[in-house]
């Protein structure tokens, strides 16, 4: 399944401000892609979107995002 979410909050070790940079998007994309059940992930911080292709269940995906400090609708 593939979905695009709006990022409403993201905990980040790079930025102290709420407007995250490209490094934040690369980090979240790479880290998500390493998780079981995640086929690919692309965070676009300019558009504040997160596109994820996954095989895990929706609840498991939400748990992964929550554990990483990402809130997405």
PDB file of N, CA and C in Angstrom:
ATOM      1  N   UNK A   1       0.843  -1.156   0.000  1.00  0.00           N
ATOM      2  CA  UNK A   1       0.000   0.000   0.000  1.00  0.00           C
ATOM      3  C   UNK A   1       0.902   1.237   0.000  1.00  0.00           C
ATOM      4  N   UNK A   2       0.440   2.293  -0.652  1.00  0.00           N
ATOM      5  CA  UNK A   2       1.182   3.548  -0.679  1.00  0.00           C
ATOM      6  C   UNK A   2       0.262   4.678  -0.248  1.00  0.00           C
ATOM      7  N   UNK A   3       0.765   5.516   0.652  1.00  0.00           N
ATOM      8  CA  UNK A   3      -0.011   6.649   1.147  1.00  0.00           C
ATOM      9  C   UNK A   3       0.873   7.876   1.270  1.00  0.00           C
ATOM     10  N   UNK A   4       0.244   9.027   1.176  1.00  0.00           N
ATOM     11  CA  UNK A   4       0.930  10.294   1.419  1.00  0.00           C
ATOM     12  C   UNK A   4       0.255  10.959   2.609  1.00  0.00           C
ATOM     13  N   UNK A   5       1.070  11.329   3.584  1.00  0.00           N
ATOM     14  CA  UNK A   5       0.590  11.961   4.810  1.00  0.00           C
ATOM     15  C   UNK A   5       1.084  13.394   4.883  1.00  0.00           C
ATOM     16  N   UNK A   6       0.356  14.235   5.592  1.00  0.00           N
ATOM     17  CA  UNK A   6       0.820  15.578   5.929  1.00  0.00           C
ATOM     18  C   UNK A   6       1.561  15.469   7.255  1.00  0.00           C
ATOM     19  N   UNK A   7       2.785  15.973   7.293  1.00  0.00           N
ATOM     20  CA  UNK A   7       3.563  15.951   8.532  1.00  0.00           C
ATOM     21  C   UNK A   7       3.107  17.126   9.391  1.00  0.00           C
ATOM     22  N   UNK A   8       2.633  16.819  10.595  1.00  0.00           N
ATOM     23  CA  UNK A   8       2.190  17.869  11.501  1.00  0.00           C
ATOM     24  C   UNK A   8       3.217  18.148  12.595  1.00  0.00           C
ATOM     25  N   UNK A   9       4.092  17.196  12.866  1.00  0.00           N
ATOM     26  CA  UNK A   9       5.143  17.375  13.860  1.00  0.00           C
ATOM     27  C   UNK A   9       6.225  16.340  13.600  1.00  0.00           C
ATOM     28  N   UNK A  10       7.474  16.726  13.853  1.00  0.00           N
ATOM     29  CA  UNK A  10       8.570  15.780  13.708  1.00  0.00           C
ATOM     30  C   UNK A  10       9.649  16.121  14.711  1.00  0.00           C
ATOM     31  N   UNK A  11      10.001  15.149  15.529  1.00  0.00           N
ATOM     32  CA  UNK A  11      11.103  15.308  16.466  1.00  0.00           C
ATOM     33  C   UNK A  11      12.390  15.135  15.675  1.00  0.00           C
ATOM     34  N   UNK A  12      13.309  16.068  15.823  1.00  0.00           N
ATOM     35  CA  UNK A  12      14.501  16.042  14.982  1.00  0.00           C
ATOM     36  C   UNK A  12      15.729  16.408  15.791  1.00  0.00           C
ATOM     37  N   UNK A  13      16.796  15.681  15.561  1.00  0.00           N
ATOM     38  CA  UNK A  13      18.061  15.971  16.213  1.00  0.00           C
ATOM     39  C   UNK A  13      18.853  17.049  15.509  1.00  0.00           C
ATOM     40  N   UNK A  14      18.470  17.391  14.283  1.00  0.00           N
ATOM     41  CA  UNK A  14      19.197  18.389  13.501  1.00  0.00           C
ATOM     42  C   UNK A  14      18.723  19.810  13.784  1.00  0.00           C
ATOM     43  N   UNK A  15      17.416  20.013  13.833  1.00  0.00           N
ATOM     44  CA  UNK A  15      16.850  21.363  13.875  1.00  0.00           C
ATOM     45  C   UNK A  15      16.234  21.661  15.232  1.00  0.00           C
ATOM     46  N   UNK A  16      16.381  22.891  15.654  1.00  0.00           N
ATOM     47  CA  UNK A  16      15.738  23.319  16.886  1.00  0.00           C
ATOM     48  C   UNK A  16      14.453  24.092  16.596  1.00  0.00           C
ATOM     49  N   UNK A  17      14.275  24.491  15.351  1.00  0.00           N
ATOM     50  CA  UNK A  17      13.070  25.221  14.952  1.00  0.00           C
ATOM     51  C   UNK A  17      12.024  24.253  14.417  1.00  0.00           C
ATOM     52  N   UNK A  18      10.823  24.743  14.241  1.00  0.00           N
ATOM     53  CA  UNK A  18       9.754  23.893  13.701  1.00  0.00           C
ATOM     54  C   UNK A  18       9.835  23.748  12.184  1.00  0.00           C
ATOM     55  N   UNK A  19      10.556  24.633  11.511  1.00  0.00           N
ATOM     56  CA  UNK A  19      10.704  24.503  10.068  1.00  0.00           C
ATOM     57  C   UNK A  19      11.950  23.660   9.797  1.00  0.00           C
ATOM     58  N   UNK A  20      11.713  22.432   9.441  1.00  0.00           N
ATOM     59  CA  UNK A  20      12.791  21.462   9.274  1.00  0.00           C
ATOM     60  C   UNK A  20      13.460  21.608   7.912  1.00  0.00           C
ATOM     61  N   UNK A  21      14.677  21.144   7.843  1.00  0.00           N
ATOM     62  CA  UNK A  21      15.484  21.282   6.633  1.00  0.00           C
ATOM     63  C   UNK A  21      15.496  19.980   5.822  1.00  0.00           C
ATOM     64  N   UNK A  22      16.192  20.019   4.693  1.00  0.00           N
ATOM     65  CA  UNK A  22      16.310  18.849   3.828  1.00  0.00           C
ATOM     66  C   UNK A  22      16.980  17.682   4.529  1.00  0.00           C
ATOM     67  N   UNK A  23      17.928  17.969   5.424  1.00  0.00           N
ATOM     68  CA  UNK A  23      18.600  16.890   6.160  1.00  0.00           C
ATOM     69  C   UNK A  23      17.605  16.126   7.028  1.00  0.00           C
ATOM     70  N   UNK A  24      16.636  16.833   7.580  1.00  0.00           N
ATOM     71  CA  UNK A  24      15.592  16.174   8.383  1.00  0.00           C
ATOM     72  C   UNK A  24      14.807  15.188   7.516  1.00  0.00           C
ATOM     73  N   UNK A  25      14.426  15.638   6.332  1.00  0.00           N
ATOM     74  CA  UNK A  25      13.663  14.789   5.425  1.00  0.00           C
ATOM     75  C   UNK A  25      14.452  13.570   4.991  1.00  0.00           C
ATOM     76  N   UNK A  26      15.724  13.756   4.701  1.00  0.00           N
ATOM     77  CA  UNK A  26      16.576  12.634   4.309  1.00  0.00           C
ATOM     78  C   UNK A  26      16.722  11.637   5.452  1.00  0.00           C
ATOM     79  N   UNK A  27      16.911  12.150   6.650  1.00  0.00           N
ATOM     80  CA  UNK A  27      17.069  11.281   7.828  1.00  0.00           C
ATOM     81  C   UNK A  27      15.814  10.455   8.078  1.00  0.00           C
ATOM     82  N   UNK A  28      14.654  11.107   8.069  1.00  0.00           N
ATOM     83  CA  UNK A  28      13.408  10.380   8.335  1.00  0.00           C
ATOM     84  C   UNK A  28      13.121   9.382   7.222  1.00  0.00           C
ATOM     85  N   UNK A  29      13.402   9.747   5.971  1.00  0.00           N
ATOM     86  CA  UNK A  29      13.181   8.838   4.840  1.00  0.00           C
ATOM     87  C   UNK A  29      14.062   7.609   4.967  1.00  0.00           C
ATOM     88  N   UNK A  30      15.346   7.819   5.258  1.00  0.00           N
ATOM     89  CA  UNK A  30      16.299   6.708   5.362  1.00  0.00           C
ATOM     90  C   UNK A  30      15.959   5.801   6.543  1.00  0.00           C
ATOM     91  N   UNK A  31      15.656   6.400   7.681  1.00  0.00           N
ATOM     92  CA  UNK A  31      15.344   5.619   8.874  1.00  0.00           C
ATOM     93  C   UNK A  31      14.065   4.814   8.689  1.00  0.00           C
ATOM     94  N   UNK A  32      13.047   5.417   8.103  1.00  0.00           N
ATOM     95  CA  UNK A  32      11.800   4.688   7.850  1.00  0.00           C
ATOM     96  C   UNK A  32      12.010   3.523   6.898  1.00  0.00           C
ATOM     97  N   UNK A  33      12.789   3.739   5.849  1.00  0.00           N
ATOM     98  CA  UNK A  33      13.021   2.692   4.845  1.00  0.00           C
ATOM     99  C   UNK A  33      13.732   1.482   5.436  1.00  0.00           C
ATOM    100  N   UNK A  34      14.402   1.655   6.563  1.00  0.00           N
ATOM    101  CA  UNK A  34      15.101   0.550   7.221  1.00  0.00           C
ATOM    102  C   UNK A  34      14.184  -0.265   8.132  1.00  0.00           C
ATOM    103  N   UNK A  35      12.989   0.225   8.395  1.00  0.00           N
ATOM    104  CA  UNK A  35      12.058  -0.459   9.294  1.00  0.00           C
ATOM    105  C   UNK A  35      11.383  -1.632   8.588  1.00  0.00           C
ATOM    106  N   UNK A  36      11.121  -2.727   9.327  1.00  0.00           N
ATOM    107  CA  UNK A  36      10.417  -3.875   8.731  1.00  0.00           C
ATOM    108  C   UNK A  36       9.026  -3.475   8.250  1.00  0.00           C
ATOM    109  N   UNK A  37       8.670  -3.916   7.070  1.00  0.00           N
ATOM    110  CA  UNK A  37       7.354  -3.631   6.515  1.00  0.00           C
ATOM    111  C   UNK A  37       7.279  -2.335   5.737  1.00  0.00           C
ATOM    112  N   UNK A  38       8.348  -1.543   5.737  1.00  0.00           N
ATOM    113  CA  UNK A  38       8.382  -0.293   4.978  1.00  0.00           C
ATOM    114  C   UNK A  38       9.198  -0.531   3.713  1.00  0.00           C
ATOM    115  N   UNK A  39       8.573  -0.373   2.572  1.00  0.00           N
ATOM    116  CA  UNK A  39       9.248  -0.594   1.293  1.00  0.00           C
ATOM    117  C   UNK A  39      10.024   0.636   0.853  1.00  0.00           C
ATOM    118  N   UNK A  40       9.431   1.811   1.044  1.00  0.00           N
ATOM    119  CA  UNK A  40      10.110   3.057   0.707  1.00  0.00           C
ATOM    120  C   UNK A  40       9.434   4.204   1.453  1.00  0.00           C
ATOM    121  N   UNK A  41      10.199   5.283   1.625  1.00  0.00           N
ATOM    122  CA  UNK A  41       9.675   6.466   2.301  1.00  0.00           C
ATOM    123  C   UNK A  41      10.353   7.693   1.718  1.00  0.00           C
ATOM    124  N   UNK A  42       9.570   8.761   1.564  1.00  0.00           N
ATOM    125  CA  UNK A  42      10.116  10.015   1.063  1.00  0.00           C
ATOM    126  C   UNK A  42       9.450  11.172   1.798  1.00  0.00           C
ATOM    127  N   UNK A  43      10.241  11.851   2.630  1.00  0.00           N
ATOM    128  CA  UNK A  43       9.741  13.016   3.350  1.00  0.00           C
ATOM    129  C   UNK A  43      10.171  14.264   2.603  1.00  0.00           C
ATOM    130  N   UNK A  44       9.211  15.093   2.249  1.00  0.00           N
ATOM    131  CA  UNK A  44       9.471  16.368   1.586  1.00  0.00           C
ATOM    132  C   UNK A  44       9.164  17.465   2.598  1.00  0.00           C
ATOM    133  N   UNK A  45      10.214  18.020   3.194  1.00  0.00           N
ATOM    134  CA  UNK A  45      10.010  18.989   4.265  1.00  0.00           C
ATOM    135  C   UNK A  45       9.478  20.325   3.756  1.00  0.00           C
ATOM    136  N   UNK A  46       9.755  20.668   2.501  1.00  0.00           N
ATOM    137  CA  UNK A  46       9.193  21.902   1.946  1.00  0.00           C
ATOM    138  C   UNK A  46       7.680  21.812   1.840  1.00  0.00           C
ATOM    139  N   UNK A  47       7.193  20.660   1.382  1.00  0.00           N
ATOM    140  CA  UNK A  47       5.750  20.453   1.238  1.00  0.00           C
ATOM    141  C   UNK A  47       5.116  19.895   2.518  1.00  0.00           C
ATOM    142  N   UNK A  48       5.958  19.518   3.489  1.00  0.00           N
ATOM    143  CA  UNK A  48       5.505  18.903   4.737  1.00  0.00           C
ATOM    144  C   UNK A  48       4.667  17.652   4.475  1.00  0.00           C
ATOM    145  N   UNK A  49       5.179  16.807   3.559  1.00  0.00           N
ATOM    146  CA  UNK A  49       4.498  15.553   3.244  1.00  0.00           C
ATOM    147  C   UNK A  49       5.437  14.373   3.444  1.00  0.00           C
ATOM    148  N   UNK A  50       4.840  13.229   3.688  1.00  0.00           N
ATOM    149  CA  UNK A  50       5.567  11.981   3.858  1.00  0.00           C
ATOM    150  C   UNK A  50       4.867  10.922   3.021  1.00  0.00           C
ATOM    151  N   UNK A  51       5.554  10.441   2.006  1.00  0.00           N
ATOM    152  CA  UNK A  51       5.007   9.401   1.136  1.00  0.00           C
ATOM    153  C   UNK A  51       5.651   8.080   1.545  1.00  0.00           C
ATOM    154  N   UNK A  52       4.818   7.096   1.877  1.00  0.00           N
ATOM    155  CA  UNK A  52       5.311   5.811   2.358  1.00  0.00           C
ATOM    156  C   UNK A  52       4.647   4.683   1.580  1.00  0.00           C
ATOM    157  N   UNK A  53       5.468   3.732   1.168  1.00  0.00           N
ATOM    158  CA  UNK A  53       4.990   2.487   0.584  1.00  0.00           C
ATOM    159  C   UNK A  53       5.282   1.394   1.609  1.00  0.00           C
ATOM    160  N   UNK A  54       4.256   0.657   2.007  1.00  0.00           N
ATOM    161  CA  UNK A  54       4.445  -0.293   3.105  1.00  0.00           C
ATOM    162  C   UNK A  54       3.595  -1.550   2.932  1.00  0.00           C
ATOM    163  N   UNK A  55       4.018  -2.610   3.631  1.00  0.00           N
ATOM    164  CA  UNK A  55       3.284  -3.869   3.629  1.00  0.00           C
ATOM    165  C   UNK A  55       2.747  -4.205   5.018  1.00  0.00           C
ATOM    166  N   UNK A  56       3.197  -3.467   6.010  1.00  0.00           N
ATOM    167  CA  UNK A  56       2.739  -3.679   7.379  1.00  0.00           C
ATOM    168  C   UNK A  56       1.324  -3.138   7.540  1.00  0.00           C
ATOM    169  N   UNK A  57       0.669  -3.466   8.603  1.00  0.00           N
ATOM    170  CA  UNK A  57      -0.668  -2.945   8.864  1.00  0.00           C
ATOM    171  C   UNK A  57      -0.629  -1.467   9.231  1.00  0.00           C
ATOM    172  N   UNK A  58      -1.761  -0.813   9.115  1.00  0.00           N
ATOM    173  CA  UNK A  58      -1.846   0.624   9.394  1.00  0.00           C
ATOM    174  C   UNK A  58      -1.512   0.928  10.850  1.00  0.00           C
ATOM    175  N   UNK A  59      -1.973   0.091  11.783  1.00  0.00           N
ATOM    176  CA  UNK A  59      -1.667   0.310  13.196  1.00  0.00           C
ATOM    177  C   UNK A  59      -0.169   0.197  13.449  1.00  0.00           C
ATOM    178  N   UNK A  60       0.470  -0.774  12.821  1.00  0.00           N
ATOM    179  CA  UNK A  60       1.917  -0.944  12.973  1.00  0.00           C
ATOM    180  C   UNK A  60       2.661   0.247  12.391  1.00  0.00           C
ATOM    181  N   UNK A  61       2.186   0.766  11.264  1.00  0.00           N
ATOM    182  CA  UNK A  61       2.801   1.945  10.659  1.00  0.00           C
ATOM    183  C   UNK A  61       2.690   3.144  11.606  1.00  0.00           C
ATOM    184  N   UNK A  62       1.529   3.337  12.188  1.00  0.00           N
ATOM    185  CA  UNK A  62       1.339   4.439  13.125  1.00  0.00           C
ATOM    186  C   UNK A  62       2.246   4.286  14.346  1.00  0.00           C
ATOM    187  N   UNK A  63       2.442   3.058  14.808  1.00  0.00           N
ATOM    188  CA  UNK A  63       3.347   2.806  15.930  1.00  0.00           C
ATOM    189  C   UNK A  63       4.782   3.153  15.567  1.00  0.00           C
ATOM    190  N   UNK A  64       5.202   2.810  14.344  1.00  0.00           N
ATOM    191  CA  UNK A  64       6.553   3.132  13.871  1.00  0.00           C
ATOM    192  C   UNK A  64       6.740   4.646  13.837  1.00  0.00           C
ATOM    193  N   UNK A  65       5.784   5.348  13.230  1.00  0.00           N
ATOM    194  CA  UNK A  65       5.882   6.807  13.139  1.00  0.00           C
ATOM    195  C   UNK A  65       5.903   7.441  14.517  1.00  0.00           C
ATOM    196  N   UNK A  66       5.033   6.984  15.391  1.00  0.00           N
ATOM    197  CA  UNK A  66       4.956   7.522  16.746  1.00  0.00           C
ATOM    198  C   UNK A  66       6.276   7.287  17.485  1.00  0.00           C
ATOM    199  N   UNK A  67       6.850   6.100  17.337  1.00  0.00           N
ATOM    200  CA  UNK A  67       8.106   5.785  17.985  1.00  0.00           C
ATOM    201  C   UNK A  67       9.261   6.629  17.484  1.00  0.00           C
ATOM    202  N   UNK A  68       9.140   7.149  16.264  1.00  0.00           N
ATOM    203  CA  UNK A  68      10.186   7.998  15.682  1.00  0.00           C
ATOM    204  C   UNK A  68       9.936   9.472  15.954  1.00  0.00           C
ATOM    205  N   UNK A  69       8.814   9.798  16.594  1.00  0.00           N
ATOM    206  CA  UNK A  69       8.511  11.197  16.884  1.00  0.00           C
ATOM    207  C   UNK A  69       7.906  11.937  15.711  1.00  0.00           C
ATOM    208  N   UNK A  70       7.232  11.203  14.815  1.00  0.00           N
ATOM    209  CA  UNK A  70       6.598  11.816  13.650  1.00  0.00           C
ATOM    210  C   UNK A  70       5.089  11.752  13.818  1.00  0.00           C
ATOM    211  N   UNK A  71       4.447  12.900  13.712  1.00  0.00           N
ATOM    212  CA  UNK A  71       2.993  12.937  13.724  1.00  0.00           C
ATOM    213  C   UNK A  71       2.546  13.314  12.310  1.00  0.00           C
ATOM    214  N   UNK A  72       1.707  12.445  11.739  1.00  0.00           N
ATOM    215  CA  UNK A  72       1.251  12.665  10.365  1.00  0.00           C
ATOM    216  C   UNK A  72      -0.224  12.332  10.270  1.00  0.00           C
ATOM    217  N   UNK A  73      -0.936  13.106   9.450  1.00  0.00           N
ATOM    218  CA  UNK A  73      -2.369  12.870   9.216  1.00  0.00           C
ATOM    219  C   UNK A  73      -2.539  12.200   7.867  1.00  0.00           C
TER     220      UNK A  73
END
